[in-house]
C-alpha atoms as a PDB file:
ATOM      1  CA  UNK A   1      62.349  89.175  72.582  1.00  0.00           C
ATOM      2  CA  UNK A   2      60.144  86.904  74.648  1.00  0.00           C
ATOM      3  CA  UNK A   3      63.172  86.128  76.808  1.00  0.00           C
ATOM      4  CA  UNK A   4      63.665  89.861  77.368  1.00  0.00           C
ATOM      5  CA  UNK A   5      60.035  90.246  78.444  1.00  0.00           C
ATOM      6  CA  UNK A   6      60.398  87.310  80.806  1.00  0.00           C
ATOM      7  CA  UNK A   7      63.454  88.962  82.342  1.00  0.00           C
ATOM      8  CA  UNK A   8      61.475  92.178  82.784  1.00  0.00           C
ATOM      9  CA  UNK A   9      58.682  90.240  84.456  1.00  0.00           C
ATOM     10  CA  UNK A  10      61.087  88.508  86.821  1.00  0.00           C
ATOM     11  CA  UNK A  11      62.658  91.850  87.698  1.00  0.00           C
ATOM     12  CA  UNK A  12      59.209  93.265  88.442  1.00  0.00           C
ATOM     13  CA  UNK A  13      58.474  90.307  90.716  1.00  0.00           C
ATOM     14  CA  UNK A  14      61.787  90.837  92.516  1.00  0.00           C
ATOM     15  CA  UNK A  15      60.972  94.505  93.112  1.00  0.00           C
ATOM     16  CA  UNK A  16      57.522  93.548  94.367  1.00  0.00           C
ATOM     17  CA  UNK A  17      59.080  91.049  96.772  1.00  0.00           C
ATOM     18  CA  UNK A  18      61.431  93.724  98.101  1.00  0.00           C
ATOM     19  CA  UNK A  19      58.524  96.124  98.591  1.00  0.00           C
ATOM     20  CA  UNK A  20      56.519  93.508 100.499  1.00  0.00           C
ATOM     21  CA  UNK A  21      59.482  92.737 102.748  1.00  0.00           C
ATOM     22  CA  UNK A  22      60.031  96.432 103.498  1.00  0.00           C
ATOM     23  CA  UNK A  23      56.334  96.991 104.209  1.00  0.00           C
ATOM     24  CA  UNK A  24      56.301  94.090 106.645  1.00  0.00           C
ATOM     25  CA  UNK A  25      59.409  95.395 108.394  1.00  0.00           C
ATOM     26  CA  UNK A  26      58.416  99.055 108.610  1.00  0.00           C
ATOM     27  CA  UNK A  27      54.654  98.823 109.025  1.00  0.00           C
ATOM     28  CA  UNK A  28      54.305  95.668 111.132  1.00  0.00           C
ATOM     29  CA  UNK A  29      57.423  94.188 112.765  1.00  0.00           C
ATOM     30  CA  UNK A  30      58.845  97.553 113.833  1.00  0.00           C
ATOM     31  CA  UNK A  31      55.537  99.256 114.584  1.00  0.00           C
ATOM     32  CA  UNK A  32      54.510 100.351 118.078  1.00  0.00           C
ATOM     33  CA  UNK A  33      52.090 103.017 119.288  1.00  0.00           C
ATOM     34  CA  UNK A  34      54.843 105.327 120.452  1.00  0.00           C
ATOM     35  CA  UNK A  35      52.786 107.898 122.363  1.00  0.00           C
ATOM     36  CA  UNK A  36      50.987 105.625 124.866  1.00  0.00           C
ATOM     37  CA  UNK A  37      54.064 103.417 125.216  1.00  0.00           C
ATOM     38  CA  UNK A  38      56.313 106.376 126.021  1.00  0.00           C
ATOM     39  CA  UNK A  39      53.880 107.854 128.547  1.00  0.00           C
ATOM     40  CA  UNK A  40      53.346 104.551 130.332  1.00  0.00           C
ATOM     41  CA  UNK A  41      57.061 103.767 130.425  1.00  0.00           C
ATOM     42  CA  UNK A  42      58.098 107.185 131.712  1.00  0.00           C
ATOM     43  CA  UNK A  43      55.415 107.156 134.405  1.00  0.00           C
ATOM     44  CA  UNK A  44      56.624 103.769 135.636  1.00  0.00           C
ATOM     45  CA  UNK A  45      60.230 104.953 135.727  1.00  0.00           C
ATOM     46  CA  UNK A  46      59.357 108.145 137.573  1.00  0.00           C
ATOM     47  CA  UNK A  47      57.370 106.135 140.065  1.00  0.00           C
ATOM     48  CA  UNK A  48      60.425 103.956 140.701  1.00  0.00           C
ATOM     49  CA  UNK A  49      58.793 100.802 139.293  1.00  0.00           C
ATOM     50  CA  UNK A  50      61.788  99.754 137.224  1.00  0.00           C
ATOM     51  CA  UNK A  51      60.871  96.067 137.114  1.00  0.00           C
ATOM     52  CA  UNK A  52      57.464  96.818 135.637  1.00  0.00           C
ATOM     53  CA  UNK A  53      59.074  99.218 133.183  1.00  0.00           C
ATOM     54  CA  UNK A  54      61.538  96.541 132.088  1.00  0.00           C
ATOM     55  CA  UNK A  55      58.683  94.071 131.707  1.00  0.00           C
ATOM     56  CA  UNK A  56      56.749  96.560 129.569  1.00  0.00           C
ATOM     57  CA  UNK A  57      59.713  97.050 127.251  1.00  0.00           C
ATOM     58  CA  UNK A  58      60.452  93.318 127.123  1.00  0.00           C
ATOM     59  CA  UNK A  59      56.884  92.556 126.048  1.00  0.00           C
ATOM     60  CA  UNK A  60      57.047  95.216 123.322  1.00  0.00           C
ATOM     61  CA  UNK A  61      60.118  93.755 121.629  1.00  0.00           C
ATOM     62  CA  UNK A  62      61.043  93.299 118.784  1.00  0.00           C
ATOM     63  CA  UNK A  63      59.464  96.677 117.968  1.00  0.00           C
ATOM     64  CA  UNK A  64      62.274  99.084 117.145  1.00  0.00           C
ATOM     65  CA  UNK A  65      61.348 101.550 119.877  1.00  0.00           C
ATOM     66  CA  UNK A  66      61.533  98.802 122.489  1.00  0.00           C
ATOM     67  CA  UNK A  67      64.839  97.519 121.121  1.00  0.00           C
ATOM     68  CA  UNK A  68      66.338 101.003 121.432  1.00  0.00           C
ATOM     69  CA  UNK A  69      65.055 101.541 124.975  1.00  0.00           C
ATOM     70  CA  UNK A  70      65.938  98.070 126.246  1.00  0.00           C
ATOM     71  CA  UNK A  71      69.610  98.821 127.057  1.00  0.00           C
ATOM     72  CA  UNK A  72      68.443 101.572 129.423  1.00  0.00           C
ATOM     73  CA  UNK A  73      66.023  99.405 131.420  1.00  0.00           C
ATOM     74  CA  UNK A  74      67.601  95.943 131.171  1.00  0.00           C
ATOM     75  CA  UNK A  75      68.157  94.943 134.819  1.00  0.00           C
ATOM     76  CA  UNK A  76      70.965  92.527 133.911  1.00  0.00           C
ATOM     77  CA  UNK A  77      73.025  95.107 132.006  1.00  0.00           C
ATOM     78  CA  UNK A  78      75.857  96.927 133.736  1.00  0.00           C
ATOM     79  CA  UNK A  79      75.799 100.718 133.944  1.00  0.00           C
ATOM     80  CA  UNK A  80      79.029 100.965 131.955  1.00  0.00           C
ATOM     81  CA  UNK A  81      77.498  99.100 129.006  1.00  0.00           C
ATOM     82  CA  UNK A  82      74.183 100.934 128.813  1.00  0.00           C
ATOM     83  CA  UNK A  83      75.294 103.975 126.816  1.00  0.00           C
ATOM     84  CA  UNK A  84      77.404 101.952 124.369  1.00  0.00           C
ATOM     85  CA  UNK A  85      74.640  99.414 123.846  1.00  0.00           C
ATOM     86  CA  UNK A  86      72.118 102.226 123.442  1.00  0.00           C
ATOM     87  CA  UNK A  87      74.168 103.821 120.660  1.00  0.00           C
ATOM     88  CA  UNK A  88      74.571 100.434 119.000  1.00  0.00           C
ATOM     89  CA  UNK A  89      70.809  99.859 119.157  1.00  0.00           C
ATOM     90  CA  UNK A  90      70.064 103.251 117.599  1.00  0.00           C
ATOM     91  CA  UNK A  91      72.566 102.610 114.815  1.00  0.00           C
ATOM     92  CA  UNK A  92      71.069  99.178 114.203  1.00  0.00           C
ATOM     93  CA  UNK A  93      67.588 100.681 113.884  1.00  0.00           C
ATOM     94  CA  UNK A  94      68.830 103.295 111.432  1.00  0.00           C
ATOM     95  CA  UNK A  95      70.503 100.550 109.424  1.00  0.00           C
ATOM     96  CA  UNK A  96      67.319  98.466 109.410  1.00  0.00           C
ATOM     97  CA  UNK A  97      65.295 101.480 108.313  1.00  0.00           C
ATOM     98  CA  UNK A  98      67.666 102.178 105.418  1.00  0.00           C
ATOM     99  CA  UNK A  99      67.831  98.561 104.258  1.00  0.00           C
ATOM    100  CA  UNK A 100      66.495  98.134 100.746  1.00  0.00           C
ATOM    101  CA  UNK A 101      65.778 101.838 100.199  1.00  0.00           C
ATOM    102  CA  UNK A 102      68.667 102.431  97.835  1.00  0.00           C
ATOM    103  CA  UNK A 103      67.829  99.227  95.970  1.00  0.00           C
ATOM    104  CA  UNK A 104      64.295 100.500  95.373  1.00  0.00           C
ATOM    105  CA  UNK A 105      65.557 103.818  94.061  1.00  0.00           C
ATOM    106  CA  UNK A 106      68.018 102.112  91.714  1.00  0.00           C
ATOM    107  CA  UNK A 107      65.353  99.625  90.611  1.00  0.00           C
ATOM    108  CA  UNK A 108      63.154 102.510  89.473  1.00  0.00           C
ATOM    109  CA  UNK A 109      65.898 103.681  87.101  1.00  0.00           C
ATOM    110  CA  UNK A 110      66.654 100.155  85.901  1.00  0.00           C
ATOM    111  CA  UNK A 111      62.984  99.413  85.251  1.00  0.00           C
ATOM    112  CA  UNK A 112      62.452 102.421  83.012  1.00  0.00           C
ATOM    113  CA  UNK A 113      65.767 101.809  81.237  1.00  0.00           C
ATOM    114  CA  UNK A 114      64.805  98.212  80.495  1.00  0.00           C
ATOM    115  CA  UNK A 115      61.471  99.374  79.113  1.00  0.00           C
ATOM    116  CA  UNK A 116      63.023 101.773  76.636  1.00  0.00           C
ATOM    117  CA  UNK A 117      65.752  99.290  75.742  1.00  0.00           C
ATOM    118  CA  UNK A 118      63.172  96.628  74.988  1.00  0.00           C
ATOM    119  CA  UNK A 119      61.202  99.068  72.862  1.00  0.00           C
ATOM    120  CA  UNK A 120      64.324 100.004  70.911  1.00  0.00           C
ATOM    121  CA  UNK A 121      65.186  96.354  70.307  1.00  0.00           C
ATOM    122  CA  UNK A 122      61.640  95.609  69.131  1.00  0.00           C
ATOM    123  CA  UNK A 123      61.539  98.523  66.724  1.00  0.00           C
ATOM    124  CA  UNK A 124      64.998  97.666  65.434  1.00  0.00           C
ATOM    125  CA  UNK A 125      63.788  94.122  64.794  1.00  0.00           C
ATOM    126  CA  UNK A 126      61.141  95.514  62.458  1.00  0.00           C
ATOM    127  CA  UNK A 127      63.786  96.915  60.114  1.00  0.00           C
ATOM    128  CA  UNK A 128      66.709  94.509  60.378  1.00  0.00           C
ATOM    129  CA  UNK A 129      65.301  91.303  61.840  1.00  0.00           C
ATOM    130  CA  UNK A 130      64.975  87.932  60.126  1.00  0.00           C
ATOM    131  CA  UNK A 131      61.245  87.781  59.428  1.00  0.00           C
ATOM    132  CA  UNK A 132      61.021  84.781  57.117  1.00  0.00           C
ATOM    133  CA  UNK A 133      57.534  84.124  55.763  1.00  0.00           C
ATOM    134  CA  UNK A 134      56.009  86.866  57.956  1.00  0.00           C
ATOM    135  CA  UNK A 135      56.889  89.349  55.227  1.00  0.00           C
ATOM    136  CA  UNK A 136      54.272  87.721  53.023  1.00  0.00           C
ATOM    137  CA  UNK A 137      51.499  89.271  55.115  1.00  0.00           C
ATOM    138  CA  UNK A 138      51.421  93.034  54.887  1.00  0.00           C
ATOM    139  CA  UNK A 139      51.824  94.805  58.243  1.00  0.00           C
ATOM    140  CA  UNK A 140      52.385  91.637  60.274  1.00  0.00           C
ATOM    141  CA  UNK A 141      56.016  92.352  61.104  1.00  0.00           C
ATOM    142  CA  UNK A 142      55.204  95.944  62.078  1.00  0.00           C
ATOM    143  CA  UNK A 143      52.312  94.879  64.298  1.00  0.00           C
ATOM    144  CA  UNK A 144      54.397  92.247  66.087  1.00  0.00           C
ATOM    145  CA  UNK A 145      57.329  94.624  66.589  1.00  0.00           C
ATOM    146  CA  UNK A 146      55.192  97.466  67.880  1.00  0.00           C
ATOM    147  CA  UNK A 147      53.286  95.085  70.155  1.00  0.00           C
ATOM    148  CA  UNK A 148      56.515  93.858  71.679  1.00  0.00           C
ATOM    149  CA  UNK A 149      57.669  97.450  72.137  1.00  0.00           C
ATOM    150  CA  UNK A 150      54.459  98.353  73.952  1.00  0.00           C
ATOM    151  CA  UNK A 151      54.820  95.340  76.250  1.00  0.00           C
ATOM    152  CA  UNK A 152      58.419  96.272  77.054  1.00  0.00           C
ATOM    153  CA  UNK A 153      57.505  99.874  77.855  1.00  0.00           C
ATOM    154  CA  UNK A 154      54.501  98.804  79.933  1.00  0.00           C
ATOM    155  CA  UNK A 155      56.613  96.427  82.032  1.00  0.00           C
ATOM    156  CA  UNK A 156      59.310  99.071  82.428  1.00  0.00           C
ATOM    157  CA  UNK A 157      56.901 101.785  83.527  1.00  0.00           C
ATOM    158  CA  UNK A 158      55.149  99.397  85.913  1.00  0.00           C
ATOM    159  CA  UNK A 159      58.426  98.419  87.554  1.00  0.00           C
ATOM    160  CA  UNK A 160      59.638 101.996  87.779  1.00  0.00           C
ATOM    161  CA  UNK A 161      56.352 103.282  89.195  1.00  0.00           C
ATOM    162  CA  UNK A 162      56.176 100.516  91.791  1.00  0.00           C
ATOM    163  CA  UNK A 163      59.759 101.035  92.928  1.00  0.00           C
ATOM    164  CA  UNK A 164      59.659 104.842  93.003  1.00  0.00           C
ATOM    165  CA  UNK A 165      56.246 105.089  94.633  1.00  0.00           C
ATOM    166  CA  UNK A 166      57.143 102.525  97.273  1.00  0.00           C
ATOM    167  CA  UNK A 167      60.464 104.237  97.944  1.00  0.00           C
ATOM    168  CA  UNK A 168      58.715 107.562  98.540  1.00  0.00           C
ATOM    169  CA  UNK A 169      56.181 106.136 100.996  1.00  0.00           C
ATOM    170  CA  UNK A 170      58.548 103.766 102.800  1.00  0.00           C
ATOM    171  CA  UNK A 171      61.208 106.437 103.217  1.00  0.00           C
ATOM    172  CA  UNK A 172      58.690 108.609 105.070  1.00  0.00           C
ATOM    173  CA  UNK A 173      57.696 105.704 107.324  1.00  0.00           C
ATOM    174  CA  UNK A 174      61.342 104.853 108.006  1.00  0.00           C
ATOM    175  CA  UNK A 175      62.117 108.428 109.060  1.00  0.00           C
ATOM    176  CA  UNK A 176      59.118 108.367 111.393  1.00  0.00           C
ATOM    177  CA  UNK A 177      60.288 105.106 112.985  1.00  0.00           C
ATOM    178  CA  UNK A 178      63.771 106.545 113.604  1.00  0.00           C
ATOM    179  CA  UNK A 179      62.374 109.771 115.036  1.00  0.00           C
ATOM    180  CA  UNK A 180      59.968 107.878 117.306  1.00  0.00           C
ATOM    181  CA  UNK A 181      62.763 105.696 118.626  1.00  0.00           C
ATOM    182  CA  UNK A 182      65.004 108.649 119.424  1.00  0.00           C
ATOM    183  CA  UNK A 183      62.135 110.553 121.011  1.00  0.00           C
ATOM    184  CA  UNK A 184      61.257 107.708 123.354  1.00  0.00           C
ATOM    185  CA  UNK A 185      64.928 107.159 124.226  1.00  0.00           C
ATOM    186  CA  UNK A 186      65.282 110.838 125.096  1.00  0.00           C
ATOM    187  CA  UNK A 187      62.213 110.691 127.347  1.00  0.00           C
ATOM    188  CA  UNK A 188      63.485 107.592 129.138  1.00  0.00           C
ATOM    189  CA  UNK A 189      66.924 109.136 129.629  1.00  0.00           C
ATOM    190  CA  UNK A 190      65.248 112.196 131.120  1.00  0.00           C
ATOM    191  CA  UNK A 191      63.142 110.043 133.440  1.00  0.00           C
ATOM    192  CA  UNK A 192      66.233 108.157 134.611  1.00  0.00           C
ATOM    193  CA  UNK A 193      68.360 111.272 135.083  1.00  0.00           C
ATOM    194  CA  UNK A 194      69.004 112.738 138.553  1.00  0.00           C
ATOM    195  CA  UNK A 195      66.857 115.751 137.630  1.00  0.00           C
ATOM    196  CA  UNK A 196      63.782 113.569 137.671  1.00  0.00           C
ATOM    197  CA  UNK A 197      60.389 115.130 137.148  1.00  0.00           C
ATOM    198  CA  UNK A 198      57.337 114.140 139.113  1.00  0.00           C
ATOM    199  CA  UNK A 199      54.505 112.328 137.274  1.00  0.00           C
ATOM    200  CA  UNK A 200      52.268 115.385 137.539  1.00  0.00           C
ATOM    201  CA  UNK A 201      54.724 117.349 135.374  1.00  0.00           C
ATOM    202  CA  UNK A 202      53.762 115.190 132.418  1.00  0.00           C
ATOM    203  CA  UNK A 203      55.909 113.894 129.604  1.00  0.00           C
ATOM    204  CA  UNK A 204      57.422 116.316 127.123  1.00  0.00           C
ATOM    205  CA  UNK A 205      58.307 115.559 123.552  1.00  0.00           C
ATOM    206  CA  UNK A 206      61.978 116.276 122.870  1.00  0.00           C
ATOM    207  CA  UNK A 207      62.802 117.893 119.562  1.00  0.00           C
ATOM    208  CA  UNK A 208      64.315 115.405 117.149  1.00  0.00           C
ATOM    209  CA  UNK A 209      66.643 116.054 114.244  1.00  0.00           C
ATOM    210  CA  UNK A 210      65.581 114.727 110.901  1.00  0.00           C
ATOM    211  CA  UNK A 211      67.300 111.498 109.907  1.00  0.00           C
ATOM    212  CA  UNK A 212      67.430 110.359 106.308  1.00  0.00           C
ATOM    213  CA  UNK A 213      67.173 106.535 106.100  1.00  0.00           C
ATOM    214  CA  UNK A 214      68.939 106.646 102.729  1.00  0.00           C
ATOM    215  CA  UNK A 215      72.128 107.872 104.355  1.00  0.00           C
ATOM    216  CA  UNK A 216      74.542 104.987 105.064  1.00  0.00           C
ATOM    217  CA  UNK A 217      75.363 104.375 108.701  1.00  0.00           C
ATOM    218  CA  UNK A 218      78.783 103.603 110.106  1.00  0.00           C
ATOM    219  CA  UNK A 219      79.038 100.462 112.230  1.00  0.00           C
END
């Protein structure tokens, strides 16, 4: 039973490692203050300062918003490739946002299942296990079996709670990152379109459809 508890502990550590990696990706590596970045970029494009706009985006990479916008402002990219590369960049960001989400959701189910399985094994050991001399002390076998069951359930609930809670929070952040990227792309496309607005007209927020990072993307 100790081996089973060790396996549960290792599984909990693996889930924790996945959560840390997803937090770093969604909350740090991909993060960018979308509002000020979008306003500054659109104003530069409307003013015709494309080199400064490209420099602004280049400095903001590898933030996901900057990676999505880069095909539109890259001075070395041909016009024919911009739209295709833009779609590829948006699909890549959606794939990055969805990475690990399904694993967290499945881990929550596995964690709770392992907890109850361990408890069942421990209680079964009380009745049919080989106890040897432990039977000589009244209640010892029962105390050991119930203690092992409690440990198994505690590890299972901890793993399930960590995975499910992290999945809920990270999914919301991932959807925000995708929406921000599409919103900035839409603003840049509008600024680069022939029907250009003057800087005094301001920058409008396009309406974005909701994107579920759990949905698989086609590459």
